[in-house]
Protein backbone atom coordinates (compact mmCIF):
# COMPACT_ATOMS: atom_id res chain seq x y z
CA UNK A 1 0.00 0.00 0.00
CA UNK A 2 1.32 3.40 -0.98
CA UNK A 3 -1.60 5.84 -1.15
CA UNK A 4 -4.70 6.21 1.00
CA UNK A 5 -7.80 8.17 -0.06
CA UNK A 6 -9.37 9.96 2.89
CA UNK A 7 -12.83 11.50 2.78
CA UNK A 8 -13.63 13.99 5.56
CA UNK A 9 -15.44 17.21 6.35
CA UNK A 10 -14.73 20.74 5.24
CA UNK A 11 -15.95 21.74 8.72
CA UNK A 12 -14.41 20.94 12.12
CA UNK A 13 -17.46 19.10 13.40
CA UNK A 14 -19.09 19.47 16.79
CA UNK A 15 -16.80 17.20 18.78
CA UNK A 16 -13.08 17.61 19.55
CA UNK A 17 -12.75 13.84 19.05
CA UNK A 18 -13.12 14.37 15.28
CA UNK A 19 -10.10 16.64 15.18
CA UNK A 20 -8.12 14.28 17.40
CA UNK A 21 -8.94 11.31 15.13
CA UNK A 22 -7.92 13.36 12.08
CA UNK A 23 -4.55 14.28 13.63
CA UNK A 24 -3.95 10.68 14.68
CA UNK A 25 -4.64 9.42 11.16
CA UNK A 26 -2.40 12.11 9.64
CA UNK A 27 0.52 11.07 11.82
CA UNK A 28 -0.09 7.40 11.03
CA UNK A 29 -0.03 8.11 7.28
CA UNK A 30 3.19 10.14 7.46
CA UNK A 31 4.93 7.71 9.83
CA UNK A 32 4.13 4.77 7.56
CA UNK A 33 5.09 6.58 4.34
CA UNK A 34 1.53 6.45 3.03
CA UNK A 35 0.66 9.32 0.71
CA UNK A 36 -2.61 11.09 1.43
CA UNK A 37 -5.02 11.39 -1.50
CA UNK A 38 -7.91 13.72 -0.67
CA UNK A 39 -10.16 16.47 -2.02
CA UNK A 40 -7.52 19.20 -1.90
CA UNK A 41 -9.27 21.64 0.43
CA UNK A 42 -7.66 23.59 3.24
CA UNK A 43 -10.51 24.09 5.70
CA UNK A 44 -12.10 21.98 8.41
CA UNK A 45 -10.94 18.43 8.96
CA UNK A 46 -9.52 18.38 5.42
CA UNK A 47 -7.22 21.27 6.29
CA UNK A 48 -6.14 19.70 9.57
CA UNK A 49 -5.43 16.39 7.82
CA UNK A 50 -3.32 17.91 5.03
CA UNK A 51 -1.42 20.24 7.39
CA UNK A 52 -0.60 17.47 9.83
CA UNK A 53 0.56 15.03 7.14
CA UNK A 54 2.80 17.68 5.59
CA UNK A 55 4.13 18.89 8.96
CA UNK A 56 5.06 15.27 9.77
CA UNK A 57 7.04 15.00 6.53
CA UNK A 58 4.40 13.17 4.49
CA UNK A 59 3.10 13.71 0.97
CA UNK A 60 -0.34 15.04 0.06
CA UNK A 61 -2.07 14.64 -3.30
CA UNK A 62 -5.18 16.81 -3.78
CA UNK A 63 -7.87 16.10 -6.37
CA UNK A 64 -10.20 19.06 -6.89
CA UNK A 65 -12.96 19.88 -9.37
CA UNK A 66 -12.29 22.95 -11.49
CA UNK A 67 -15.36 24.72 -10.04
CA UNK A 68 -13.96 24.53 -6.48
CA UNK A 69 -10.46 25.44 -7.61
CA UNK A 70 -11.82 28.57 -9.27
CA UNK A 71 -13.36 29.54 -5.91
CA UNK A 72 -9.85 29.44 -4.36
CA UNK A 73 -10.71 26.37 -2.27
CA UNK A 74 -7.37 24.61 -2.88
CA UNK A 75 -4.93 24.15 -0.03
CA UNK A 76 -1.70 25.92 -1.10
CA UNK A 77 0.83 23.57 0.56
CA UNK A 78 -0.03 20.38 -1.34
CA UNK A 79 2.70 18.15 -2.71
CA UNK A 80 0.60 17.90 -5.87
CA UNK A 81 -2.80 19.20 -6.94
CA UNK A 82 -4.73 17.70 -9.83
CA UNK A 83 -7.61 19.77 -11.22
CA UNK A 84 -10.41 17.71 -12.80
CA UNK A 85 -13.59 18.70 -14.64
CA UNK A 86 -16.18 17.62 -12.05
CA UNK A 87 -16.92 15.69 -8.86
CA UNK A 88 -17.57 12.41 -10.67
CA UNK A 89 -14.07 12.53 -12.15
CA UNK A 90 -12.65 13.56 -8.77
CA UNK A 91 -14.14 10.48 -7.10
CA UNK A 92 -12.97 8.15 -9.85
CA UNK A 93 -9.48 9.68 -9.82
CA UNK A 94 -9.17 9.35 -6.06
CA UNK A 95 -10.09 5.66 -6.26
CA UNK A 96 -7.72 5.06 -9.15
CA UNK A 97 -4.80 6.70 -7.34
CA UNK A 98 -5.37 5.07 -3.95
CA UNK A 99 -4.89 1.64 -2.44
CA UNK A 100 -7.50 2.04 0.34
CA UNK A 101 -10.30 4.45 1.32
CA UNK A 102 -10.96 5.89 4.77
CA UNK A 103 -13.90 8.06 5.81
CA UNK A 104 -13.43 10.33 8.80
CA UNK A 105 -16.38 12.33 10.14
CA UNK A 106 -17.89 14.69 7.60
CA UNK A 107 -21.12 15.79 6.01
CA UNK A 108 -23.24 14.53 3.13
CA UNK A 109 -20.34 14.81 0.67
CA UNK A 110 -18.14 12.56 2.79
CA UNK A 111 -20.96 10.06 3.18
CA UNK A 112 -21.69 10.10 -0.55
CA UNK A 113 -18.03 9.59 -1.51
CA UNK A 114 -17.32 6.67 0.82
CA UNK A 115 -20.71 5.13 0.00
CA UNK A 116 -19.83 5.15 -3.68
CA UNK A 117 -16.39 3.65 -3.00
CA UNK A 118 -18.05 0.98 -0.84
CA UNK A 119 -20.73 0.28 -3.48
CA UNK A 120 -18.11 -0.06 -6.19
CA UNK A 121 -16.16 -2.46 -3.94
CA UNK A 122 -19.29 -4.56 -3.43
CA UNK A 123 -19.79 -5.04 -7.18
CA UNK A 124 -16.10 -5.54 -7.92
CA UNK A 125 -15.27 -2.18 -9.52
CA UNK A 126 -13.13 -0.97 -6.58
CA UNK A 127 -10.45 -3.34 -5.25
CA UNK A 128 -9.58 -0.99 -2.37
CA UNK A 129 -10.56 -1.69 1.23
CA UNK A 130 -13.06 0.89 2.56
CA UNK A 131 -12.93 1.98 6.21
CA UNK A 132 -15.67 4.02 7.89
CA UNK A 133 -14.38 5.75 11.03
CA UNK A 134 -17.60 6.66 12.86
CA UNK A 135 -17.16 5.21 16.36
CA UNK A 136 -14.61 3.39 18.46
CA UNK A 137 -16.28 0.00 17.96
CA UNK A 138 -15.08 -2.18 15.11
CA UNK A 139 -17.66 -4.01 13.03
CA UNK A 140 -16.84 -5.84 9.83
CA UNK A 141 -19.43 -5.13 7.13
CA UNK A 142 -17.99 -7.23 4.38
CA UNK A 143 -14.63 -8.11 3.02
CA UNK A 144 -12.82 -5.72 2.52
CA UNK A 145 -14.89 -3.00 4.30
CA UNK A 146 -15.26 -2.18 7.97
CA UNK A 147 -16.59 0.47 10.35
CA UNK A 148 -14.42 1.82 13.17
C-alpha atoms as a PDB file:
ATOM      1  CA  UNK A   1       0.000   0.000   0.000  1.00  0.00           C
ATOM      2  CA  UNK A   2       1.324   3.403  -0.981  1.00  0.00           C
ATOM      3  CA  UNK A   3      -1.604   5.841  -1.149  1.00  0.00           C
ATOM      4  CA  UNK A   4      -4.702   6.215   0.999  1.00  0.00           C
ATOM      5  CA  UNK A   5      -7.795   8.169  -0.058  1.00  0.00           C
ATOM      6  CA  UNK A   6      -9.369   9.961   2.891  1.00  0.00           C
ATOM      7  CA  UNK A   7     -12.830  11.500   2.785  1.00  0.00           C
ATOM      8  CA  UNK A   8     -13.635  13.989   5.559  1.00  0.00           C
ATOM      9  CA  UNK A   9     -15.444  17.209   6.350  1.00  0.00           C
ATOM     10  CA  UNK A  10     -14.732  20.744   5.242  1.00  0.00           C
ATOM     11  CA  UNK A  11     -15.949  21.742   8.724  1.00  0.00           C
ATOM     12  CA  UNK A  12     -14.408  20.945  12.119  1.00  0.00           C
ATOM     13  CA  UNK A  13     -17.458  19.099  13.402  1.00  0.00           C
ATOM     14  CA  UNK A  14     -19.089  19.472  16.789  1.00  0.00           C
ATOM     15  CA  UNK A  15     -16.796  17.201  18.784  1.00  0.00           C
ATOM     16  CA  UNK A  16     -13.083  17.605  19.553  1.00  0.00           C
ATOM     17  CA  UNK A  17     -12.747  13.836  19.052  1.00  0.00           C
ATOM     18  CA  UNK A  18     -13.122  14.365  15.283  1.00  0.00           C
ATOM     19  CA  UNK A  19     -10.096  16.642  15.184  1.00  0.00           C
ATOM     20  CA  UNK A  20      -8.119  14.276  17.404  1.00  0.00           C
ATOM     21  CA  UNK A  21      -8.936  11.313  15.131  1.00  0.00           C
ATOM     22  CA  UNK A  22      -7.916  13.357  12.085  1.00  0.00           C
ATOM     23  CA  UNK A  23      -4.552  14.284  13.625  1.00  0.00           C
ATOM     24  CA  UNK A  24      -3.949  10.681  14.683  1.00  0.00           C
ATOM     25  CA  UNK A  25      -4.641   9.422  11.160  1.00  0.00           C
ATOM     26  CA  UNK A  26      -2.402  12.110   9.639  1.00  0.00           C
ATOM     27  CA  UNK A  27       0.523  11.072  11.820  1.00  0.00           C
ATOM     28  CA  UNK A  28      -0.087   7.400  11.029  1.00  0.00           C
ATOM     29  CA  UNK A  29      -0.027   8.109   7.284  1.00  0.00           C
ATOM     30  CA  UNK A  30       3.187  10.140   7.461  1.00  0.00           C
ATOM     31  CA  UNK A  31       4.933   7.714   9.830  1.00  0.00           C
ATOM     32  CA  UNK A  32       4.125   4.768   7.562  1.00  0.00           C
ATOM     33  CA  UNK A  33       5.093   6.582   4.337  1.00  0.00           C
ATOM     34  CA  UNK A  34       1.526   6.452   3.032  1.00  0.00           C
ATOM     35  CA  UNK A  35       0.662   9.319   0.710  1.00  0.00           C
ATOM     36  CA  UNK A  36      -2.613  11.090   1.434  1.00  0.00           C
ATOM     37  CA  UNK A  37      -5.024  11.391  -1.496  1.00  0.00           C
ATOM     38  CA  UNK A  38      -7.912  13.716  -0.665  1.00  0.00           C
ATOM     39  CA  UNK A  39     -10.156  16.468  -2.023  1.00  0.00           C
ATOM     40  CA  UNK A  40      -7.517  19.198  -1.901  1.00  0.00           C
ATOM     41  CA  UNK A  41      -9.272  21.644   0.425  1.00  0.00           C
ATOM     42  CA  UNK A  42      -7.662  23.593   3.240  1.00  0.00           C
ATOM     43  CA  UNK A  43     -10.511  24.095   5.701  1.00  0.00           C
ATOM     44  CA  UNK A  44     -12.102  21.983   8.414  1.00  0.00           C
ATOM     45  CA  UNK A  45     -10.940  18.426   8.962  1.00  0.00           C
ATOM     46  CA  UNK A  46      -9.524  18.377   5.424  1.00  0.00           C
ATOM     47  CA  UNK A  47      -7.216  21.270   6.291  1.00  0.00           C
ATOM     48  CA  UNK A  48      -6.141  19.702   9.571  1.00  0.00           C
ATOM     49  CA  UNK A  49      -5.432  16.394   7.817  1.00  0.00           C
ATOM     50  CA  UNK A  50      -3.322  17.912   5.029  1.00  0.00           C
ATOM     51  CA  UNK A  51      -1.420  20.235   7.387  1.00  0.00           C
ATOM     52  CA  UNK A  52      -0.598  17.465   9.835  1.00  0.00           C
ATOM     53  CA  UNK A  53       0.559  15.031   7.136  1.00  0.00           C
ATOM     54  CA  UNK A  54       2.802  17.684   5.592  1.00  0.00           C
ATOM     55  CA  UNK A  55       4.127  18.885   8.960  1.00  0.00           C
ATOM     56  CA  UNK A  56       5.056  15.272   9.775  1.00  0.00           C
ATOM     57  CA  UNK A  57       7.036  14.996   6.525  1.00  0.00           C
ATOM     58  CA  UNK A  58       4.400  13.170   4.486  1.00  0.00           C
ATOM     59  CA  UNK A  59       3.098  13.706   0.970  1.00  0.00           C
ATOM     60  CA  UNK A  60      -0.341  15.041   0.058  1.00  0.00           C
ATOM     61  CA  UNK A  61      -2.074  14.645  -3.303  1.00  0.00           C
ATOM     62  CA  UNK A  62      -5.176  16.815  -3.779  1.00  0.00           C
ATOM     63  CA  UNK A  63      -7.865  16.104  -6.373  1.00  0.00           C
ATOM     64  CA  UNK A  64     -10.198  19.057  -6.889  1.00  0.00           C
ATOM     65  CA  UNK A  65     -12.960  19.882  -9.371  1.00  0.00           C
ATOM     66  CA  UNK A  66     -12.291  22.953 -11.490  1.00  0.00           C
ATOM     67  CA  UNK A  67     -15.357  24.724 -10.040  1.00  0.00           C
ATOM     68  CA  UNK A  68     -13.964  24.529  -6.484  1.00  0.00           C
ATOM     69  CA  UNK A  69     -10.462  25.442  -7.608  1.00  0.00           C
ATOM     70  CA  UNK A  70     -11.824  28.573  -9.272  1.00  0.00           C
ATOM     71  CA  UNK A  71     -13.363  29.545  -5.906  1.00  0.00           C
ATOM     72  CA  UNK A  72      -9.851  29.443  -4.358  1.00  0.00           C
ATOM     73  CA  UNK A  73     -10.707  26.373  -2.267  1.00  0.00           C
ATOM     74  CA  UNK A  74      -7.374  24.613  -2.885  1.00  0.00           C
ATOM     75  CA  UNK A  75      -4.928  24.151  -0.028  1.00  0.00           C
ATOM     76  CA  UNK A  76      -1.697  25.923  -1.104  1.00  0.00           C
ATOM     77  CA  UNK A  77       0.834  23.574   0.556  1.00  0.00           C
ATOM     78  CA  UNK A  78      -0.034  20.381  -1.338  1.00  0.00           C
ATOM     79  CA  UNK A  79       2.698  18.155  -2.711  1.00  0.00           C
ATOM     80  CA  UNK A  80       0.596  17.900  -5.870  1.00  0.00           C
ATOM     81  CA  UNK A  81      -2.801  19.203  -6.936  1.00  0.00           C
ATOM     82  CA  UNK A  82      -4.728  17.701  -9.830  1.00  0.00           C
ATOM     83  CA  UNK A  83      -7.607  19.768 -11.217  1.00  0.00           C
ATOM     84  CA  UNK A  84     -10.414  17.715 -12.797  1.00  0.00           C
ATOM     85  CA  UNK A  85     -13.590  18.699 -14.639  1.00  0.00           C
ATOM     86  CA  UNK A  86     -16.179  17.621 -12.054  1.00  0.00           C
ATOM     87  CA  UNK A  87     -16.919  15.692  -8.856  1.00  0.00           C
ATOM     88  CA  UNK A  88     -17.567  12.411 -10.667  1.00  0.00           C
ATOM     89  CA  UNK A  89     -14.069  12.530 -12.150  1.00  0.00           C
ATOM     90  CA  UNK A  90     -12.649  13.558  -8.767  1.00  0.00           C
ATOM     91  CA  UNK A  91     -14.145  10.482  -7.098  1.00  0.00           C
ATOM     92  CA  UNK A  92     -12.974   8.145  -9.847  1.00  0.00           C
ATOM     93  CA  UNK A  93      -9.481   9.679  -9.821  1.00  0.00           C
ATOM     94  CA  UNK A  94      -9.174   9.352  -6.062  1.00  0.00           C
ATOM     95  CA  UNK A  95     -10.093   5.664  -6.264  1.00  0.00           C
ATOM     96  CA  UNK A  96      -7.719   5.059  -9.152  1.00  0.00           C
ATOM     97  CA  UNK A  97      -4.795   6.701  -7.339  1.00  0.00           C
ATOM     98  CA  UNK A  98      -5.375   5.075  -3.953  1.00  0.00           C
ATOM     99  CA  UNK A  99      -4.886   1.644  -2.437  1.00  0.00           C
ATOM    100  CA  UNK A 100      -7.496   2.044   0.341  1.00  0.00           C
ATOM    101  CA  UNK A 101     -10.295   4.448   1.321  1.00  0.00           C
ATOM    102  CA  UNK A 102     -10.959   5.888   4.769  1.00  0.00           C
ATOM    103  CA  UNK A 103     -13.898   8.060   5.809  1.00  0.00           C
ATOM    104  CA  UNK A 104     -13.433  10.331   8.798  1.00  0.00           C
ATOM    105  CA  UNK A 105     -16.384  12.335  10.136  1.00  0.00           C
ATOM    106  CA  UNK A 106     -17.893  14.695   7.596  1.00  0.00           C
ATOM    107  CA  UNK A 107     -21.115  15.793   6.012  1.00  0.00           C
ATOM    108  CA  UNK A 108     -23.238  14.534   3.128  1.00  0.00           C
ATOM    109  CA  UNK A 109     -20.337  14.811   0.668  1.00  0.00           C
ATOM    110  CA  UNK A 110     -18.145  12.556   2.787  1.00  0.00           C
ATOM    111  CA  UNK A 111     -20.963  10.056   3.177  1.00  0.00           C
ATOM    112  CA  UNK A 112     -21.686  10.097  -0.552  1.00  0.00           C
ATOM    113  CA  UNK A 113     -18.028   9.592  -1.510  1.00  0.00           C
ATOM    114  CA  UNK A 114     -17.318   6.673   0.821  1.00  0.00           C
ATOM    115  CA  UNK A 115     -20.708   5.128   0.002  1.00  0.00           C
ATOM    116  CA  UNK A 116     -19.828   5.148  -3.682  1.00  0.00           C
ATOM    117  CA  UNK A 117     -16.392   3.647  -3.005  1.00  0.00           C
ATOM    118  CA  UNK A 118     -18.054   0.977  -0.841  1.00  0.00           C
ATOM    119  CA  UNK A 119     -20.734   0.277  -3.478  1.00  0.00           C
ATOM    120  CA  UNK A 120     -18.113  -0.059  -6.187  1.00  0.00           C
ATOM    121  CA  UNK A 121     -16.164  -2.458  -3.939  1.00  0.00           C
ATOM    122  CA  UNK A 122     -19.288  -4.565  -3.427  1.00  0.00           C
ATOM    123  CA  UNK A 123     -19.790  -5.037  -7.175  1.00  0.00           C
ATOM    124  CA  UNK A 124     -16.103  -5.538  -7.916  1.00  0.00           C
ATOM    125  CA  UNK A 125     -15.268  -2.182  -9.516  1.00  0.00           C
ATOM    126  CA  UNK A 126     -13.129  -0.973  -6.585  1.00  0.00           C
ATOM    127  CA  UNK A 127     -10.445  -3.337  -5.254  1.00  0.00           C
ATOM    128  CA  UNK A 128      -9.585  -0.989  -2.372  1.00  0.00           C
ATOM    129  CA  UNK A 129     -10.560  -1.691   1.230  1.00  0.00           C
ATOM    130  CA  UNK A 130     -13.064   0.894   2.563  1.00  0.00           C
ATOM    131  CA  UNK A 131     -12.928   1.976   6.206  1.00  0.00           C
ATOM    132  CA  UNK A 132     -15.671   4.015   7.887  1.00  0.00           C
ATOM    133  CA  UNK A 133     -14.385   5.747  11.030  1.00  0.00           C
ATOM    134  CA  UNK A 134     -17.596   6.655  12.855  1.00  0.00           C
ATOM    135  CA  UNK A 135     -17.156   5.214  16.355  1.00  0.00           C
ATOM    136  CA  UNK A 136     -14.612   3.390  18.465  1.00  0.00           C
ATOM    137  CA  UNK A 137     -16.285  -0.001  17.961  1.00  0.00           C
ATOM    138  CA  UNK A 138     -15.084  -2.181  15.109  1.00  0.00           C
ATOM    139  CA  UNK A 139     -17.658  -4.011  13.028  1.00  0.00           C
ATOM    140  CA  UNK A 140     -16.840  -5.840   9.830  1.00  0.00           C
ATOM    141  CA  UNK A 141     -19.429  -5.130   7.126  1.00  0.00           C
ATOM    142  CA  UNK A 142     -17.986  -7.229   4.376  1.00  0.00           C
ATOM    143  CA  UNK A 143     -14.629  -8.107   3.016  1.00  0.00           C
ATOM    144  CA  UNK A 144     -12.821  -5.717   2.523  1.00  0.00           C
ATOM    145  CA  UNK A 145     -14.886  -2.999   4.296  1.00  0.00           C
ATOM    146  CA  UNK A 146     -15.264  -2.182   7.974  1.00  0.00           C
ATOM    147  CA  UNK A 147     -16.588   0.473  10.351  1.00  0.00           C
ATOM    148  CA  UNK A 148     -14.424   1.815  13.174  1.00  0.00           C
END
